Amino acid sequence: MAKIYHEHDAHLQHLNHLSVGVIGYGNQGRAHAFNLRDSGVSVRVGTRLEGKTRQQAVSDGFDPETFEEVAANCEVIALLLPDEVIPQIYEESVEPYLEAHDTFVFAHGFTVANKTIRLPDDADVVLVAPTGPGRQLRSLYMSGHGLPALVAVGQDSSGLAWKRCLAYAGAIGCLRAGAVETTFYEETITDLFCEQAVLCGGIPELIKASFQTLLEAGYQPELAYISCLKEVKLIADLLFERGLDGMRGAISNTARYGSARAGPRIINSSTEHRLRQILNEIETGRFAEMFLRDTEEGAPAAQDFTLAERHSKIARTGRALTEVLKF
């Protein structure tokens, strides 16, 4: 079983004498900064000079600085920007201002695993990856609970990297729930694969295909939408709370028998072959190359896909239903 850390494994003193800089005040950055500050850690927030996040930081009681100021004045630097943005910001606004033995914190392993930036050889490089969005990280912290995290050390120059990693994870509340030890590479591969194969790729495409199948057979789009999309939450909640076997025990006999017959016919050896292809693209770095190239070109692939989906029958049905039904 993987090694799991809890609050008693961490000591905040390993951050107390350091200044922690949060570069990026978006989904993760805002929650990290809030939780670190509420845990008594000295936090400096770096944002762009112009933009909504800077105003948000001011409203939240921070005195936002430039990326350069944070990089020059903090011993611990949390790079919490989007994966595709980090290389340019790092090269232009962080790297020139670094000092020896800085500690870099990442909330996702993409940058380190795919080597999109060159970090100093004398730096500590750690991963503290909450297993959910920033708003959940913050809300659980405020309620006295925590969001589990994945933690790793990619480079330990000081000999204190693990201690600082766990102190950071504790300060943002993750060790209240527990943190699983991993590596930058493993976290990156499993996270990207899960997004593409299940959460953001597989499930939505199965929903869309099932919706379309019912429509083509003559059934009302409203009923198809509710059955194929809205009811996913019911099963997702059961899976989260009870696991696969617990979910099977909570559904009807009809649903259990139907799933036993239909599931293996939908997800079969052909599907598994395509899943292995997707995994291979991620493992070899090909996905990262394609993603970064698409970003440089203005992200046409993702934008075209999203635009088409926004105007699809299932999306229009959902918007219309939302106006008349209270879900």
Protein backbone atom coordinates (compact mmCIF):
# COMPACT_ATOMS: atom_id res chain seq x y z
CA MET A 1 0.00 0.00 0.00
CA ALA A 2 1.16 3.52 -0.74
CA LYS A 3 2.61 5.56 2.11
CA ILE A 4 0.08 8.02 3.51
CA TYR A 5 0.94 11.06 5.64
CA HIS A 6 -1.22 12.78 8.24
CA GLU A 7 -0.96 15.87 10.43
CA HIS A 8 1.33 14.23 12.96
CA ASP A 9 3.90 13.68 10.18
CA ALA A 10 4.35 17.39 9.49
CA HIS A 11 5.69 20.35 11.43
CA LEU A 12 4.78 23.87 10.40
CA GLN A 13 8.08 25.11 11.82
CA HIS A 14 9.73 24.07 8.56
CA LEU A 15 7.88 26.94 6.88
CA ASN A 16 7.64 29.41 9.74
CA HIS A 17 10.97 31.13 9.06
CA LEU A 18 10.42 31.24 5.30
CA SER A 19 8.43 33.52 3.05
CA VAL A 20 6.10 31.60 0.76
CA GLY A 21 5.25 33.13 -2.59
CA VAL A 22 2.14 32.07 -4.47
CA ILE A 23 2.51 32.90 -8.16
CA GLY A 24 -0.90 32.75 -9.79
CA TYR A 25 -4.16 33.60 -8.03
CA GLY A 26 -6.60 31.39 -9.88
CA ASN A 27 -8.35 28.13 -9.06
CA GLN A 28 -5.60 26.68 -6.85
CA GLY A 29 -3.58 29.80 -6.07
CA ARG A 30 -6.32 31.65 -4.24
CA ALA A 31 -7.18 28.66 -2.04
CA HIS A 32 -3.53 27.92 -1.26
CA ALA A 33 -2.86 31.55 -0.32
CA PHE A 34 -5.93 31.74 1.93
CA ASN A 35 -5.19 28.46 3.71
CA LEU A 36 -1.49 29.20 4.14
CA ARG A 37 -2.27 32.61 5.62
CA ASP A 38 -4.91 31.19 7.97
CA SER A 39 -2.37 28.60 9.12
CA GLY A 40 0.03 31.37 10.12
CA VAL A 41 2.42 31.13 7.19
CA SER A 42 3.93 34.30 5.73
CA VAL A 43 2.43 34.54 2.24
CA ARG A 44 3.14 36.87 -0.65
CA VAL A 45 0.89 36.76 -3.71
CA GLY A 46 2.10 37.37 -7.24
CA THR A 47 -0.30 38.35 -10.04
CA ARG A 48 -0.21 40.15 -13.34
CA LEU A 49 -0.29 43.94 -13.03
CA GLU A 50 -3.58 44.06 -14.89
CA GLY A 51 -6.36 41.55 -14.44
CA LYS A 52 -9.25 40.35 -12.35
CA THR A 53 -7.10 38.15 -10.13
CA ARG A 54 -5.12 41.14 -8.88
CA GLN A 55 -8.30 42.92 -7.86
CA GLN A 56 -9.55 39.72 -6.27
CA ALA A 57 -6.37 39.40 -4.24
CA VAL A 58 -6.76 42.97 -2.99
CA SER A 59 -10.38 42.27 -2.04
CA ASP A 60 -9.20 39.18 -0.14
CA GLY A 61 -6.86 41.26 1.97
CA PHE A 62 -3.58 40.55 0.21
CA ASP A 63 -1.14 43.11 -1.11
CA PRO A 64 -0.38 41.56 -4.52
CA GLU A 65 3.05 42.00 -6.04
CA THR A 66 4.55 41.32 -9.44
CA PHE A 67 5.82 37.86 -10.29
CA GLU A 68 9.35 39.28 -10.24
CA GLU A 69 8.97 40.70 -6.73
CA VAL A 70 7.67 37.42 -5.37
CA ALA A 71 10.46 35.42 -7.03
CA ALA A 72 13.11 37.77 -5.66
CA ASN A 73 11.83 37.86 -2.10
CA CYS A 74 10.53 34.36 -1.33
CA GLU A 75 12.41 31.22 -0.40
CA VAL A 76 9.42 29.00 -1.22
CA ILE A 77 7.78 29.61 -4.60
CA ALA A 78 4.48 27.92 -5.45
CA LEU A 79 4.00 28.01 -9.23
CA LEU A 80 0.22 27.71 -9.47
CA LEU A 81 -0.33 28.90 -13.01
CA PRO A 82 -1.86 26.90 -15.89
CA ASP A 83 0.56 24.30 -17.30
CA GLU A 84 0.87 26.05 -20.66
CA VAL A 85 1.57 29.45 -19.06
CA ILE A 86 4.31 28.41 -16.65
CA PRO A 87 7.25 28.23 -19.13
CA GLN A 88 7.01 31.84 -20.32
CA ILE A 89 6.32 33.30 -16.87
CA TYR A 90 9.12 31.26 -15.34
CA GLU A 91 11.71 32.21 -17.95
CA GLU A 92 10.81 35.91 -18.02
CA SER A 93 9.73 36.70 -14.47
CA VAL A 94 11.02 34.04 -12.09
CA GLU A 95 14.29 32.50 -13.23
CA PRO A 96 16.30 35.77 -13.37
CA TYR A 97 15.47 36.53 -9.74
CA LEU A 98 16.16 33.17 -8.10
CA GLU A 99 18.58 32.62 -5.26
CA ALA A 100 20.35 29.46 -4.16
CA HIS A 101 18.33 26.75 -2.40
CA ASP A 102 14.85 27.99 -3.22
CA THR A 103 11.98 25.52 -2.87
CA PHE A 104 9.51 25.14 -5.73
CA VAL A 105 6.00 23.84 -5.07
CA PHE A 106 3.73 22.52 -7.81
CA ALA A 107 0.08 21.48 -7.57
CA HIS A 108 0.37 19.29 -10.67
CA GLY A 109 3.36 17.38 -12.02
CA PHE A 110 3.00 18.33 -15.70
CA THR A 111 5.75 20.97 -15.75
CA VAL A 112 8.36 18.85 -13.99
CA ALA A 113 7.47 15.51 -15.58
CA ASN A 114 7.55 16.97 -19.09
CA LYS A 115 10.55 19.21 -18.39
CA THR A 116 8.94 22.35 -19.80
CA ILE A 117 11.22 24.51 -17.62
CA ARG A 118 14.73 24.04 -16.27
CA LEU A 119 14.79 24.31 -12.51
CA PRO A 120 18.07 25.05 -10.66
CA ASP A 121 20.12 22.05 -9.58
CA ASP A 122 20.43 23.49 -6.07
CA ALA A 123 16.66 23.87 -5.57
CA ASP A 124 14.15 21.68 -3.79
CA VAL A 125 11.26 20.62 -6.04
CA VAL A 126 8.10 19.33 -4.36
CA LEU A 127 4.59 18.37 -5.36
CA VAL A 128 1.50 19.06 -3.27
CA ALA A 129 -1.46 18.19 -5.47
CA PRO A 130 -4.90 18.50 -3.85
CA THR A 131 -7.33 15.96 -5.28
CA GLY A 132 -9.99 18.51 -6.12
CA PRO A 133 -10.62 22.12 -7.17
CA GLY A 134 -9.48 25.13 -5.19
CA ARG A 135 -12.94 26.03 -3.96
CA GLN A 136 -13.26 22.58 -2.36
CA LEU A 137 -9.79 22.87 -0.84
CA ARG A 138 -10.83 26.17 0.74
CA SER A 139 -14.33 25.15 1.88
CA LEU A 140 -13.10 21.96 3.54
CA TYR A 141 -10.32 23.88 5.29
CA MET A 142 -12.82 26.42 6.62
CA SER A 143 -15.07 23.64 7.92
CA GLY A 144 -12.19 22.10 9.86
CA HIS A 145 -11.64 19.28 7.39
CA GLY A 146 -9.24 18.77 4.53
CA LEU A 147 -8.95 17.65 0.94
CA PRO A 148 -6.66 14.65 0.35
CA ALA A 149 -3.53 15.35 -1.67
CA LEU A 150 -0.76 13.63 -3.56
CA VAL A 151 2.76 14.54 -2.46
CA ALA A 152 6.18 13.96 -3.98
CA VAL A 153 9.74 15.23 -3.95
CA GLY A 154 11.38 15.55 -7.33
CA GLN A 155 14.63 17.10 -6.12
CA ASP A 156 16.02 17.38 -2.60
CA SER A 157 19.02 19.66 -2.62
CA SER A 158 18.72 20.91 0.95
CA GLY A 159 17.88 17.63 2.65
CA LEU A 160 14.72 19.32 3.94
CA ALA A 161 12.49 18.90 0.88
CA TRP A 162 10.20 16.27 2.39
CA LYS A 163 9.81 18.25 5.60
CA ARG A 164 8.88 21.38 3.67
CA CYS A 165 6.60 19.43 1.36
CA LEU A 166 4.64 17.96 4.26
CA ALA A 167 4.61 21.27 6.12
CA TYR A 168 3.08 22.93 3.05
CA ALA A 169 0.53 20.12 2.65
CA GLY A 170 -0.37 20.51 6.31
CA ALA A 171 -0.65 24.29 6.07
CA ILE A 172 -3.22 24.10 3.26
CA GLY A 173 -5.21 21.51 5.24
CA CYS A 174 -4.57 18.40 3.15
CA LEU A 175 -2.96 16.37 5.93
CA ARG A 176 -6.20 16.55 7.91
CA ALA A 177 -7.52 14.05 5.36
CA GLY A 178 -4.22 12.46 4.35
CA ALA A 179 -1.63 12.74 1.60
CA VAL A 180 -0.50 9.84 -0.58
CA GLU A 181 3.18 9.61 -1.52
CA THR A 182 3.82 9.39 -5.26
CA THR A 183 6.21 10.78 -7.88
CA PHE A 184 5.87 13.72 -10.25
CA TYR A 185 5.73 11.32 -13.19
CA GLU A 186 3.11 9.01 -11.67
CA GLU A 187 0.85 11.89 -10.62
CA THR A 188 1.09 13.46 -14.06
CA ILE A 189 0.35 10.28 -16.00
CA THR A 190 -2.56 9.13 -13.84
CA ASP A 191 -4.10 12.60 -13.68
CA LEU A 192 -3.95 13.23 -17.43
CA PHE A 193 -5.14 9.72 -18.25
CA CYS A 194 -8.07 9.95 -15.85
CA GLU A 195 -9.10 13.33 -17.28
CA GLN A 196 -9.02 12.05 -20.85
CA ALA A 197 -10.28 8.49 -20.42
CA VAL A 198 -12.92 9.00 -17.73
CA LEU A 199 -13.77 12.37 -16.24
CA CYS A 200 -13.61 14.90 -19.07
CA GLY A 201 -13.32 12.64 -22.10
CA GLY A 202 -14.94 9.25 -21.65
CA ILE A 203 -17.97 10.10 -19.51
CA PRO A 204 -19.11 13.16 -21.52
CA GLU A 205 -18.74 11.29 -24.82
CA LEU A 206 -20.74 8.33 -23.48
CA ILE A 207 -23.43 10.74 -22.30
CA LYS A 208 -23.56 12.45 -25.71
CA ALA A 209 -23.67 9.16 -27.61
CA SER A 210 -26.42 7.76 -25.37
CA PHE A 211 -28.43 10.99 -25.67
CA GLN A 212 -28.14 10.89 -29.45
CA THR A 213 -29.14 7.21 -29.57
CA LEU A 214 -32.39 7.96 -27.73
CA LEU A 215 -33.14 10.96 -29.94
CA GLU A 216 -32.64 8.97 -33.12
CA ALA A 217 -35.03 6.35 -31.75
CA GLY A 218 -37.70 9.03 -31.35
CA TYR A 219 -37.58 9.76 -27.61
CA GLN A 220 -38.02 13.23 -26.13
CA PRO A 221 -34.73 15.14 -25.71
CA GLU A 222 -35.77 16.34 -22.26
CA LEU A 223 -36.16 12.79 -20.96
CA ALA A 224 -32.96 11.72 -22.68
CA TYR A 225 -31.09 14.63 -21.07
CA ILE A 226 -32.35 13.87 -17.57
CA SER A 227 -31.69 10.14 -17.88
CA CYS A 228 -28.30 10.28 -19.58
CA LEU A 229 -26.78 13.37 -17.98
CA LYS A 230 -28.51 14.56 -14.83
CA GLU A 231 -28.75 11.13 -13.22
CA VAL A 232 -25.00 10.64 -13.55
CA LYS A 233 -24.64 12.59 -10.30
CA LEU A 234 -26.63 9.96 -8.41
CA ILE A 235 -24.22 7.21 -9.43
CA ALA A 236 -21.16 9.44 -9.03
CA ASP A 237 -22.17 10.17 -5.44
CA LEU A 238 -22.64 6.46 -4.73
CA LEU A 239 -19.28 5.63 -6.27
CA PHE A 240 -17.59 8.34 -4.22
CA GLU A 241 -19.23 7.25 -0.99
CA ARG A 242 -19.26 3.48 -1.36
CA GLY A 243 -17.00 2.39 -4.21
CA LEU A 244 -17.96 0.08 -7.07
CA ASP A 245 -19.26 -2.79 -4.96
CA GLY A 246 -21.17 -0.43 -2.68
CA MET A 247 -22.78 1.24 -5.68
CA ARG A 248 -23.91 -2.15 -7.04
CA GLY A 249 -25.52 -2.93 -3.71
CA ALA A 250 -27.45 0.36 -3.69
CA ILE A 251 -29.08 0.16 -7.12
CA SER A 252 -32.16 -1.80 -8.15
CA ASN A 253 -32.08 -5.43 -9.24
CA THR A 254 -33.10 -4.31 -12.71
CA ALA A 255 -30.23 -1.83 -12.93
CA ARG A 256 -27.76 -4.34 -11.55
CA TYR A 257 -28.73 -7.03 -14.07
CA GLY A 258 -28.81 -4.55 -16.96
CA SER A 259 -25.39 -3.18 -16.09
CA ALA A 260 -23.93 -6.67 -15.91
CA ARG A 261 -25.13 -7.32 -19.47
CA ALA A 262 -24.53 -3.92 -21.08
CA GLY A 263 -21.36 -2.60 -19.43
CA PRO A 264 -18.92 -5.20 -20.84
CA ARG A 265 -20.48 -4.80 -24.30
CA ILE A 266 -19.79 -1.05 -24.29
CA ILE A 267 -16.34 -1.21 -22.70
CA ASN A 268 -14.64 -4.14 -24.40
CA SER A 269 -11.24 -5.17 -25.74
CA SER A 270 -11.50 -2.60 -28.52
CA THR A 271 -12.07 0.16 -25.97
CA GLU A 272 -9.19 -1.09 -23.85
CA HIS A 273 -6.92 -0.98 -26.90
CA ARG A 274 -7.77 2.69 -27.47
CA LEU A 275 -7.23 3.40 -23.78
CA ARG A 276 -3.74 1.90 -24.02
CA GLN A 277 -3.06 4.15 -27.02
CA ILE A 278 -4.14 7.22 -25.05
CA LEU A 279 -1.98 6.17 -22.11
CA ASN A 280 1.01 5.66 -24.40
CA GLU A 281 0.62 9.17 -25.84
CA ILE A 282 0.74 10.57 -22.33
CA GLU A 283 3.63 8.40 -21.13
CA THR A 284 5.84 9.20 -24.11
CA GLY A 285 5.24 12.95 -23.84
CA ARG A 286 3.46 13.10 -27.20
CA PHE A 287 0.30 14.49 -25.60
CA ALA A 288 2.27 17.26 -23.88
CA GLU A 289 3.93 18.18 -27.19
CA MET A 290 0.59 18.31 -29.02
CA PHE A 291 -1.06 20.29 -26.21
CA LEU A 292 1.70 22.90 -26.03
CA ARG A 293 1.80 23.21 -29.82
CA ASP A 294 -1.97 23.69 -29.95
CA THR A 295 -1.70 26.35 -27.24
CA GLU A 296 0.96 28.23 -29.21
CA GLU A 297 -1.37 28.21 -32.22
CA GLY A 298 -4.23 29.70 -30.21
CA ALA A 299 -5.77 26.42 -28.98
CA PRO A 300 -7.89 25.76 -32.11
CA ALA A 301 -8.51 22.08 -31.34
CA ALA A 302 -10.00 22.67 -27.90
CA GLN A 303 -11.86 25.82 -28.98
CA ASP A 304 -13.47 24.17 -32.01
CA PHE A 305 -14.50 21.16 -29.96
CA THR A 306 -15.95 23.32 -27.18
CA LEU A 307 -17.80 25.57 -29.62
CA ALA A 308 -19.39 22.62 -31.39
CA GLU A 309 -20.46 21.14 -28.08
CA ARG A 310 -21.92 24.45 -26.90
CA HIS A 311 -24.27 24.51 -29.90
CA SER A 312 -25.15 20.81 -29.76
CA LYS A 313 -28.66 19.51 -29.16
CA ILE A 314 -27.77 18.15 -25.73
CA ALA A 315 -26.34 21.50 -24.58
CA ARG A 316 -29.35 23.44 -25.90
CA THR A 317 -31.71 20.98 -24.22
CA GLY A 318 -29.87 21.40 -20.94
CA ARG A 319 -30.06 25.17 -21.06
CA ALA A 320 -33.77 25.09 -21.85
CA LEU A 321 -34.50 22.62 -19.05
CA THR A 322 -32.56 24.65 -16.52
CA GLU A 323 -34.92 27.56 -17.12
CA VAL A 324 -38.06 25.56 -16.28
CA LEU A 325 -36.92 22.81 -13.89
CA LYS A 326 -35.16 23.16 -10.54
CA PHE A 327 -32.47 20.50 -10.35
